[in-house]
Protein backbone atom coordinates (compact mmCIF):
# COMPACT_ATOMS: atom_id res chain seq x y z
CA ASP A 1 97.89 103.57 104.30
CA PRO A 2 97.92 101.95 107.71
CA GLU A 3 94.31 101.25 107.86
CA VAL A 4 94.44 99.19 104.64
CA TYR A 5 97.50 97.13 106.19
CA ALA A 6 95.56 96.47 109.42
CA ARG A 7 92.65 95.21 107.44
CA ILE A 8 94.93 92.74 105.62
CA VAL A 9 96.57 91.63 108.81
CA HIS A 10 93.00 90.85 110.27
CA GLU A 11 92.11 89.01 107.03
CA PHE A 12 95.50 86.96 106.76
CA PRO A 13 97.02 87.05 110.27
CA GLU A 14 99.03 83.85 109.56
CA ARG A 15 100.76 85.53 106.64
CA VAL A 16 101.90 88.90 107.72
CA ARG A 17 104.52 89.32 110.42
CA VAL A 18 105.41 92.88 110.26
CA VAL A 19 103.89 95.99 108.76
CA TYR A 20 106.36 98.76 107.91
CA ILE A 21 105.04 102.32 107.70
CA ARG A 22 107.26 105.31 106.73
CA ARG A 23 106.64 108.44 108.94
CA VAL A 24 106.31 111.16 106.36
CA GLU A 25 105.11 113.89 108.76
CA ARG A 26 104.58 114.20 112.52
CA LYS A 27 101.06 114.90 113.20
CA PRO A 28 100.07 113.92 116.78
CA GLU A 29 96.52 112.82 115.61
CA ARG A 30 97.92 110.66 112.85
CA GLU A 31 100.61 109.17 115.13
CA ARG A 32 97.83 108.39 117.76
CA ALA A 33 95.73 106.61 115.14
CA ILE A 34 98.63 104.50 113.95
CA ASN A 35 99.42 103.60 117.44
CA MET A 36 95.70 102.49 117.85
CA LEU A 37 96.19 100.24 114.88
CA ARG A 38 99.42 98.92 116.29
CA ASN A 39 97.52 97.83 119.39
CA GLU A 40 94.57 96.64 117.39
CA ILE A 41 96.71 94.04 115.49
CA ARG A 42 99.00 93.01 118.24
CA HIS A 43 96.98 90.11 119.26
CA THR A 44 97.65 88.52 115.84
CA GLY A 45 101.35 88.47 116.59
CA CYS A 46 101.93 91.08 113.93
CA ASP A 47 103.99 94.16 114.65
CA LEU A 48 103.37 97.61 113.10
CA VAL A 49 106.64 99.72 112.92
CA LEU A 50 106.51 103.26 112.21
CA ALA A 51 109.94 104.38 110.88
CA GLU A 52 111.70 107.49 109.66
CA ASP A 53 113.29 105.74 106.72
CA SER A 54 114.19 102.36 105.01
CA ALA A 55 117.36 102.07 107.19
CA GLY A 56 115.25 101.96 110.31
CA MET A 57 112.88 99.40 108.97
CA ALA A 58 115.75 97.41 107.84
CA VAL A 59 117.41 97.45 111.40
CA HIS A 60 113.98 96.10 112.75
CA ALA A 61 113.81 93.46 110.01
CA HIS A 62 117.29 92.29 110.68
CA ALA A 63 116.63 92.11 114.49
CA GLN A 64 113.60 89.94 113.62
CA GLY A 65 115.60 87.57 111.32
CA LEU A 66 113.85 88.79 108.30
CA ILE A 67 116.89 90.01 106.36
CA SER A 68 120.55 88.97 106.45
CA ASP A 69 123.50 91.10 107.54
CA ALA A 70 124.30 91.54 103.68
CA GLY A 71 120.69 92.82 103.25
CA LEU A 72 120.88 95.26 106.06
CA GLU A 73 124.23 96.67 104.86
CA GLN A 74 122.80 96.98 101.26
CA VAL A 75 119.72 98.96 102.58
CA ARG A 76 122.05 101.15 104.68
CA ARG A 77 124.24 101.85 101.61
CA GLU A 78 121.45 102.64 99.24
CA SER A 79 119.93 104.93 102.08
CA ASP A 80 123.11 107.07 102.06
CA CYS A 81 122.82 107.81 98.29
């Protein structure tokens, strides 16, 4: 849950670059709470990404240099299954 990840970021800011959260439902109040957490941890240099699926997370991770081209393609292939 995003609150737990935000707490971990606060405790270990030098060890976490990105928190990926899968959007499982669209509740406006929940999305507002997650956006507040995103803003709360931003000062640590960590980003919080709310994504629809693994492919969306992989695209972000690839853009950040966290996974290779091959890794991105593998996630895309597995997401299509």
